[in-house]
Amino acid sequence: MMYADIIDAEDVYEALKELGIKVSCDADMTAAINQWLTSCSFSERANLMALFDILMEQKTLMLPDVYQQVNSTYHAIAAA
């Protein structure tokens, strides 16, 4: 039987790093992304939203604390 990989904070931080957003384990992801949003281009913002759309689709694979952080950040980005 095959099992899907669990998405942990490190997975999310690595995906953000590929977009040029550096978030450390002890940093507030929402604050780091909000700071990045002040200088990003429209296409970079679209790529970030696409990443969070994918993450939200995979919420059942996330650890609960990671989902909570991703969910609140997703809503903050959408409202910005």
PDB file of N, CA and C in Angstrom:
ATOM      1  N   MET A   1       0.836  -1.169   0.000  1.00  0.00           N
ATOM      2  CA  MET A   1       0.000   0.000   0.000  1.00  0.00           C
ATOM      3  C   MET A   1       0.890   1.244   0.000  1.00  0.00           C
ATOM      4  N   MET A   2       0.555   2.221  -0.822  1.00  0.00           N
ATOM      5  CA  MET A   2       1.348   3.445  -0.896  1.00  0.00           C
ATOM      6  C   MET A   2       0.667   4.549  -0.102  1.00  0.00           C
ATOM      7  N   TYR A   3       1.492   5.340   0.522  1.00  0.00           N
ATOM      8  CA  TYR A   3       0.997   6.463   1.303  1.00  0.00           C
ATOM      9  C   TYR A   3       1.546   7.757   0.722  1.00  0.00           C
ATOM     10  N   ALA A   4       0.739   8.793   0.753  1.00  0.00           N
ATOM     11  CA  ALA A   4       1.188  10.097   0.280  1.00  0.00           C
ATOM     12  C   ALA A   4       2.121  10.715   1.314  1.00  0.00           C
ATOM     13  N   ASP A   5       2.994  11.547   0.859  1.00  0.00           N
ATOM     14  CA  ASP A   5       3.876  12.263   1.767  1.00  0.00           C
ATOM     15  C   ASP A   5       3.082  13.291   2.555  1.00  0.00           C
ATOM     16  N   ILE A   6       3.405  13.389   3.815  1.00  0.00           N
ATOM     17  CA  ILE A   6       2.818  14.409   4.669  1.00  0.00           C
ATOM     18  C   ILE A   6       3.538  15.725   4.388  1.00  0.00           C
ATOM     19  N   ILE A   7       2.787  16.790   4.272  1.00  0.00           N
ATOM     20  CA  ILE A   7       3.362  18.117   4.029  1.00  0.00           C
ATOM     21  C   ILE A   7       3.647  18.755   5.375  1.00  0.00           C
ATOM     22  N   ASP A   8       4.934  19.024   5.617  1.00  0.00           N
ATOM     23  CA  ASP A   8       5.309  19.690   6.853  1.00  0.00           C
ATOM     24  C   ASP A   8       5.781  21.114   6.544  1.00  0.00           C
ATOM     25  N   ALA A   9       6.128  21.841   7.577  1.00  0.00           N
ATOM     26  CA  ALA A   9       6.533  23.238   7.409  1.00  0.00           C
ATOM     27  C   ALA A   9       7.735  23.368   6.482  1.00  0.00           C
ATOM     28  N   GLU A  10       8.668  22.462   6.592  1.00  0.00           N
ATOM     29  CA  GLU A  10       9.869  22.525   5.746  1.00  0.00           C
ATOM     30  C   GLU A  10       9.508  22.434   4.263  1.00  0.00           C
ATOM     31  N   ASP A  11       8.526  21.611   3.925  1.00  0.00           N
ATOM     32  CA  ASP A  11       8.080  21.510   2.534  1.00  0.00           C
ATOM     33  C   ASP A  11       7.530  22.853   2.029  1.00  0.00           C
ATOM     34  N   VAL A  12       6.748  23.498   2.870  1.00  0.00           N
ATOM     35  CA  VAL A  12       6.166  24.796   2.498  1.00  0.00           C
ATOM     36  C   VAL A  12       7.268  25.837   2.354  1.00  0.00           C
ATOM     37  N   TYR A  13       8.207  25.862   3.304  1.00  0.00           N
ATOM     38  CA  TYR A  13       9.291  26.833   3.250  1.00  0.00           C
ATOM     39  C   TYR A  13      10.171  26.627   2.021  1.00  0.00           C
ATOM     40  N   GLU A  14      10.393  25.373   1.640  1.00  0.00           N
ATOM     41  CA  GLU A  14      11.181  25.079   0.435  1.00  0.00           C
ATOM     42  C   GLU A  14      10.455  25.569  -0.824  1.00  0.00           C
ATOM     43  N   ALA A  15       9.143  25.374  -0.874  1.00  0.00           N
ATOM     44  CA  ALA A  15       8.365  25.843  -2.022  1.00  0.00           C
ATOM     45  C   ALA A  15       8.391  27.362  -2.103  1.00  0.00           C
ATOM     46  N   LEU A  16       8.310  28.026  -0.973  1.00  0.00           N
ATOM     47  CA  LEU A  16       8.387  29.487  -0.944  1.00  0.00           C
ATOM     48  C   LEU A  16       9.771  29.971  -1.365  1.00  0.00           C
ATOM     49  N   LYS A  17      10.791  29.250  -0.956  1.00  0.00           N
ATOM     50  CA  LYS A  17      12.169  29.609  -1.310  1.00  0.00           C
ATOM     51  C   LYS A  17      12.366  29.587  -2.827  1.00  0.00           C
ATOM     52  N   GLU A  18      11.711  28.656  -3.493  1.00  0.00           N
ATOM     53  CA  GLU A  18      11.799  28.593  -4.958  1.00  0.00           C
ATOM     54  C   GLU A  18      11.207  29.839  -5.611  1.00  0.00           C
ATOM     55  N   LEU A  19      10.307  30.513  -4.904  1.00  0.00           N
ATOM     56  CA  LEU A  19       9.726  31.760  -5.419  1.00  0.00           C
ATOM     57  C   LEU A  19      10.525  32.987  -4.981  1.00  0.00           C
ATOM     58  N   GLY A  20      11.566  32.762  -4.193  1.00  0.00           N
ATOM     59  CA  GLY A  20      12.394  33.866  -3.722  1.00  0.00           C
ATOM     60  C   GLY A  20      11.989  34.402  -2.365  1.00  0.00           C
ATOM     61  N   ILE A  21      11.143  33.669  -1.654  1.00  0.00           N
ATOM     62  CA  ILE A  21      10.691  34.079  -0.327  1.00  0.00           C
ATOM     63  C   ILE A  21      11.371  33.186   0.699  1.00  0.00           C
ATOM     64  N   LYS A  22      12.203  33.783   1.529  1.00  0.00           N
ATOM     65  CA  LYS A  22      12.914  33.017   2.538  1.00  0.00           C
ATOM     66  C   LYS A  22      12.184  33.146   3.865  1.00  0.00           C
ATOM     67  N   VAL A  23      11.736  32.010   4.371  1.00  0.00           N
ATOM     68  CA  VAL A  23      11.050  31.953   5.659  1.00  0.00           C
ATOM     69  C   VAL A  23      11.768  30.907   6.499  1.00  0.00           C
ATOM     70  N   SER A  24      12.189  31.305   7.667  1.00  0.00           N
ATOM     71  CA  SER A  24      12.829  30.343   8.566  1.00  0.00           C
ATOM     72  C   SER A  24      11.778  29.718   9.467  1.00  0.00           C
ATOM     73  N   CYS A  25      12.148  28.645  10.104  1.00  0.00           N
ATOM     74  CA  CYS A  25      11.212  27.911  10.958  1.00  0.00           C
ATOM     75  C   CYS A  25      10.680  28.744  12.117  1.00  0.00           C
ATOM     76  N   ASP A  26      11.456  29.702  12.584  1.00  0.00           N
ATOM     77  CA  ASP A  26      11.020  30.513  13.716  1.00  0.00           C
ATOM     78  C   ASP A  26      10.393  31.842  13.285  1.00  0.00           C
ATOM     79  N   ALA A  27      10.256  32.060  11.968  1.00  0.00           N
ATOM     80  CA  ALA A  27       9.682  33.306  11.464  1.00  0.00           C
ATOM     81  C   ALA A  27       8.178  33.162  11.240  1.00  0.00           C
ATOM     82  N   ASP A  28       7.510  34.272  11.180  1.00  0.00           N
ATOM     83  CA  ASP A  28       6.086  34.311  10.878  1.00  0.00           C
ATOM     84  C   ASP A  28       5.931  34.305   9.355  1.00  0.00           C
ATOM     85  N   MET A  29       5.381  33.233   8.820  1.00  0.00           N
ATOM     86  CA  MET A  29       5.247  33.100   7.372  1.00  0.00           C
ATOM     87  C   MET A  29       4.406  34.226   6.779  1.00  0.00           C
ATOM     88  N   THR A  30       3.306  34.575   7.412  1.00  0.00           N
ATOM     89  CA  THR A  30       2.434  35.623   6.900  1.00  0.00           C
ATOM     90  C   THR A  30       3.171  36.953   6.824  1.00  0.00           C
ATOM     91  N   ALA A  31       3.902  37.294   7.866  1.00  0.00           N
ATOM     92  CA  ALA A  31       4.652  38.558   7.884  1.00  0.00           C
ATOM     93  C   ALA A  31       5.728  38.574   6.806  1.00  0.00           C
ATOM     94  N   ALA A  32       6.442  37.459   6.644  1.00  0.00           N
ATOM     95  CA  ALA A  32       7.492  37.383   5.625  1.00  0.00           C
ATOM     96  C   ALA A  32       6.903  37.548   4.224  1.00  0.00           C
ATOM     97  N   ILE A  33       5.766  36.922   3.984  1.00  0.00           N
ATOM     98  CA  ILE A  33       5.139  37.020   2.667  1.00  0.00           C
ATOM     99  C   ILE A  33       4.577  38.415   2.441  1.00  0.00           C
ATOM    100  N   ASN A  34       3.961  38.998   3.466  1.00  0.00           N
ATOM    101  CA  ASN A  34       3.439  40.363   3.322  1.00  0.00           C
ATOM    102  C   ASN A  34       4.548  41.348   2.990  1.00  0.00           C
ATOM    103  N   GLN A  35       5.706  41.160   3.597  1.00  0.00           N
ATOM    104  CA  GLN A  35       6.851  42.023   3.290  1.00  0.00           C
ATOM    105  C   GLN A  35       7.288  41.813   1.840  1.00  0.00           C
ATOM    106  N   TRP A  36       7.336  40.575   1.402  1.00  0.00           N
ATOM    107  CA  TRP A  36       7.738  40.245   0.035  1.00  0.00           C
ATOM    108  C   TRP A  36       6.745  40.821  -0.970  1.00  0.00           C
ATOM    109  N   LEU A  37       5.464  40.808  -0.627  1.00  0.00           N
ATOM    110  CA  LEU A  37       4.426  41.312  -1.533  1.00  0.00           C
ATOM    111  C   LEU A  37       4.582  42.798  -1.855  1.00  0.00           C
ATOM    112  N   THR A  38       5.235  43.551  -0.981  1.00  0.00           N
ATOM    113  CA  THR A  38       5.392  44.988  -1.218  1.00  0.00           C
ATOM    114  C   THR A  38       6.299  45.286  -2.407  1.00  0.00           C
ATOM    115  N   SER A  39       7.133  44.323  -2.782  1.00  0.00           N
ATOM    116  CA  SER A  39       8.062  44.574  -3.885  1.00  0.00           C
ATOM    117  C   SER A  39       7.980  43.554  -5.015  1.00  0.00           C
ATOM    118  N   CYS A  40       7.021  42.652  -4.967  1.00  0.00           N
ATOM    119  CA  CYS A  40       6.951  41.612  -6.004  1.00  0.00           C
ATOM    120  C   CYS A  40       6.199  42.121  -7.230  1.00  0.00           C
ATOM    121  N   SER A  41       6.428  41.459  -8.338  1.00  0.00           N
ATOM    122  CA  SER A  41       5.721  41.796  -9.575  1.00  0.00           C
ATOM    123  C   SER A  41       4.369  41.089  -9.605  1.00  0.00           C
ATOM    124  N   PHE A  42       3.554  41.466 -10.559  1.00  0.00           N
ATOM    125  CA  PHE A  42       2.234  40.841 -10.710  1.00  0.00           C
ATOM    126  C   PHE A  42       2.377  39.344 -10.992  1.00  0.00           C
ATOM    127  N   SER A  43       3.330  38.973 -11.832  1.00  0.00           N
ATOM    128  CA  SER A  43       3.509  37.544 -12.149  1.00  0.00           C
ATOM    129  C   SER A  43       4.034  36.767 -10.941  1.00  0.00           C
ATOM    130  N   GLU A  44       4.900  37.380 -10.132  1.00  0.00           N
ATOM    131  CA  GLU A  44       5.382  36.719  -8.918  1.00  0.00           C
ATOM    132  C   GLU A  44       4.227  36.498  -7.937  1.00  0.00           C
ATOM    133  N   ARG A  45       3.364  37.496  -7.835  1.00  0.00           N
ATOM    134  CA  ARG A  45       2.196  37.358  -6.961  1.00  0.00           C
ATOM    135  C   ARG A  45       1.275  36.248  -7.474  1.00  0.00           C
ATOM    136  N   ALA A  46       1.099  36.176  -8.784  1.00  0.00           N
ATOM    137  CA  ALA A  46       0.271  35.124  -9.381  1.00  0.00           C
ATOM    138  C   ALA A  46       0.870  33.746  -9.104  1.00  0.00           C
ATOM    139  N   ASN A  47       2.190  33.638  -9.181  1.00  0.00           N
ATOM    140  CA  ASN A  47       2.857  32.368  -8.872  1.00  0.00           C
ATOM    141  C   ASN A  47       2.668  31.988  -7.402  1.00  0.00           C
ATOM    142  N   LEU A  48       2.720  32.967  -6.530  1.00  0.00           N
ATOM    143  CA  LEU A  48       2.497  32.708  -5.109  1.00  0.00           C
ATOM    144  C   LEU A  48       1.066  32.224  -4.868  1.00  0.00           C
ATOM    145  N   MET A  49       0.106  32.871  -5.490  1.00  0.00           N
ATOM    146  CA  MET A  49      -1.289  32.458  -5.332  1.00  0.00           C
ATOM    147  C   MET A  49      -1.502  31.049  -5.886  1.00  0.00           C
ATOM    148  N   ALA A  50      -0.844  30.738  -7.000  1.00  0.00           N
ATOM    149  CA  ALA A  50      -0.960  29.395  -7.576  1.00  0.00           C
ATOM    150  C   ALA A  50      -0.397  28.348  -6.610  1.00  0.00           C
ATOM    151  N   LEU A  51       0.728  28.665  -5.980  1.00  0.00           N
ATOM    152  CA  LEU A  51       1.309  27.757  -4.990  1.00  0.00           C
ATOM    153  C   LEU A  51       0.338  27.538  -3.835  1.00  0.00           C
ATOM    154  N   PHE A  52      -0.238  28.612  -3.329  1.00  0.00           N
ATOM    155  CA  PHE A  52      -1.153  28.464  -2.199  1.00  0.00           C
ATOM    156  C   PHE A  52      -2.452  27.777  -2.600  1.00  0.00           C
ATOM    157  N   ASP A  53      -2.882  27.954  -3.838  1.00  0.00           N
ATOM    158  CA  ASP A  53      -4.052  27.203  -4.318  1.00  0.00           C
ATOM    159  C   ASP A  53      -3.760  25.701  -4.286  1.00  0.00           C
ATOM    160  N   ILE A  54      -2.574  25.327  -4.737  1.00  0.00           N
ATOM    161  CA  ILE A  54      -2.174  23.916  -4.717  1.00  0.00           C
ATOM    162  C   ILE A  54      -2.096  23.399  -3.283  1.00  0.00           C
ATOM    163  N   LEU A  55      -1.486  24.189  -2.413  1.00  0.00           N
ATOM    164  CA  LEU A  55      -1.378  23.778  -1.013  1.00  0.00           C
ATOM    165  C   LEU A  55      -2.751  23.605  -0.377  1.00  0.00           C
ATOM    166  N   MET A  56      -3.664  24.505  -0.675  1.00  0.00           N
ATOM    167  CA  MET A  56      -5.002  24.411  -0.085  1.00  0.00           C
ATOM    168  C   MET A  56      -5.740  23.181  -0.600  1.00  0.00           C
ATOM    169  N   GLU A  57      -5.466  22.783  -1.833  1.00  0.00           N
ATOM    170  CA  GLU A  57      -6.069  21.558  -2.369  1.00  0.00           C
ATOM    171  C   GLU A  57      -5.530  20.309  -1.665  1.00  0.00           C
ATOM    172  N   GLN A  58      -4.337  20.427  -1.110  1.00  0.00           N
ATOM    173  CA  GLN A  58      -3.692  19.290  -0.450  1.00  0.00           C
ATOM    174  C   GLN A  58      -3.776  19.385   1.071  1.00  0.00           C
ATOM    175  N   LYS A  59      -4.774  20.086   1.571  1.00  0.00           N
ATOM    176  CA  LYS A  59      -4.853  20.326   3.013  1.00  0.00           C
ATOM    177  C   LYS A  59      -4.958  19.045   3.833  1.00  0.00           C
ATOM    178  N   THR A  60      -5.514  17.992   3.251  1.00  0.00           N
ATOM    179  CA  THR A  60      -5.633  16.738   4.016  1.00  0.00           C
ATOM    180  C   THR A  60      -4.278  16.063   4.214  1.00  0.00           C
ATOM    181  N   LEU A  61      -3.267  16.492   3.471  1.00  0.00           N
ATOM    182  CA  LEU A  61      -1.925  15.915   3.603  1.00  0.00           C
ATOM    183  C   LEU A  61      -1.034  16.714   4.552  1.00  0.00           C
ATOM    184  N   MET A  62      -1.537  17.860   5.026  1.00  0.00           N
ATOM    185  CA  MET A  62      -0.731  18.736   5.876  1.00  0.00           C
ATOM    186  C   MET A  62      -0.897  18.401   7.343  1.00  0.00           C
ATOM    187  N   LEU A  63       0.186  18.588   8.062  1.00  0.00           N
ATOM    188  CA  LEU A  63       0.097  18.533   9.510  1.00  0.00           C
ATOM    189  C   LEU A  63      -0.828  19.669   9.963  1.00  0.00           C
ATOM    190  N   PRO A  64      -1.590  19.474  11.023  1.00  0.00           N
ATOM    191  CA  PRO A  64      -2.572  20.492  11.438  1.00  0.00           C
ATOM    192  C   PRO A  64      -1.994  21.887  11.664  1.00  0.00           C
ATOM    193  N   ASP A  65      -0.839  21.992  12.305  1.00  0.00           N
ATOM    194  CA  ASP A  65      -0.265  23.317  12.539  1.00  0.00           C
ATOM    195  C   ASP A  65       0.206  23.970  11.241  1.00  0.00           C
ATOM    196  N   VAL A  66       0.653  23.165  10.299  1.00  0.00           N
ATOM    197  CA  VAL A  66       1.065  23.696   8.995  1.00  0.00           C
ATOM    198  C   VAL A  66      -0.160  24.177   8.229  1.00  0.00           C
ATOM    199  N   TYR A  67      -1.229  23.399   8.260  1.00  0.00           N
ATOM    200  CA  TYR A  67      -2.460  23.822   7.592  1.00  0.00           C
ATOM    201  C   TYR A  67      -2.972  25.136   8.178  1.00  0.00           C
ATOM    202  N   GLN A  68      -2.936  25.269   9.467  1.00  0.00           N
ATOM    203  CA  GLN A  68      -3.412  26.496  10.098  1.00  0.00           C
ATOM    204  C   GLN A  68      -2.604  27.696   9.612  1.00  0.00           C
ATOM    205  N   GLN A  69      -1.310  27.542   9.524  1.00  0.00           N
ATOM    206  CA  GLN A  69      -0.437  28.631   9.071  1.00  0.00           C
ATOM    207  C   GLN A  69      -0.672  28.925   7.589  1.00  0.00           C
ATOM    208  N   VAL A  70      -0.768  27.879   6.767  1.00  0.00           N
ATOM    209  CA  VAL A  70      -1.003  28.057   5.334  1.00  0.00           C
ATOM    210  C   VAL A  70      -2.369  28.701   5.097  1.00  0.00           C
ATOM    211  N   ASN A  71      -3.374  28.247   5.812  1.00  0.00           N
ATOM    212  CA  ASN A  71      -4.725  28.775   5.655  1.00  0.00           C
ATOM    213  C   ASN A  71      -4.791  30.258   6.008  1.00  0.00           C
ATOM    214  N   SER A  72      -4.221  30.647   7.130  1.00  0.00           N
ATOM    215  CA  SER A  72      -4.268  32.059   7.512  1.00  0.00           C
ATOM    216  C   SER A  72      -3.460  32.924   6.551  1.00  0.00           C
ATOM    217  N   THR A  73      -2.325  32.403   6.085  1.00  0.00           N
ATOM    218  CA  THR A  73      -1.515  33.151   5.116  1.00  0.00           C
ATOM    219  C   THR A  73      -2.248  33.271   3.787  1.00  0.00           C
ATOM    220  N   TYR A  74      -2.894  32.204   3.355  1.00  0.00           N
ATOM    221  CA  TYR A  74      -3.657  32.213   2.103  1.00  0.00           C
ATOM    222  C   TYR A  74      -4.726  33.304   2.138  1.00  0.00           C
ATOM    223  N   HIS A  75      -5.452  33.384   3.227  1.00  0.00           N
ATOM    224  CA  HIS A  75      -6.508  34.392   3.338  1.00  0.00           C
ATOM    225  C   HIS A  75      -5.936  35.800   3.438  1.00  0.00           C
ATOM    226  N   ALA A  76      -4.791  35.949   4.067  1.00  0.00           N
ATOM    227  CA  ALA A  76      -4.138  37.259   4.144  1.00  0.00           C
ATOM    228  C   ALA A  76      -3.670  37.718   2.766  1.00  0.00           C
ATOM    229  N   ILE A  77      -3.149  36.792   1.974  1.00  0.00           N
ATOM    230  CA  ILE A  77      -2.698  37.131   0.620  1.00  0.00           C
ATOM    231  C   ILE A  77      -3.894  37.524  -0.241  1.00  0.00           C
ATOM    232  N   ALA A  78      -4.949  36.748  -0.152  1.00  0.00           N
ATOM    233  CA  ALA A  78      -6.141  37.016  -0.962  1.00  0.00           C
ATOM    234  C   ALA A  78      -6.751  38.374  -0.624  1.00  0.00           C
ATOM    235  N   ALA A  79      -6.638  38.774   0.644  1.00  0.00           N
ATOM    236  CA  ALA A  79      -7.211  40.051   1.067  1.00  0.00           C
ATOM    237  C   ALA A  79      -6.301  41.240   0.743  1.00  0.00           C
ATOM    238  N   ALA A  80      -5.034  40.973   0.493  1.00  0.00           N
ATOM    239  CA  ALA A  80      -4.065  42.064   0.252  1.00  0.00           C
ATOM    240  C   ALA A  80      -4.223  42.665  -1.124  1.00  0.00           C
TER     241      ALA A  80
END
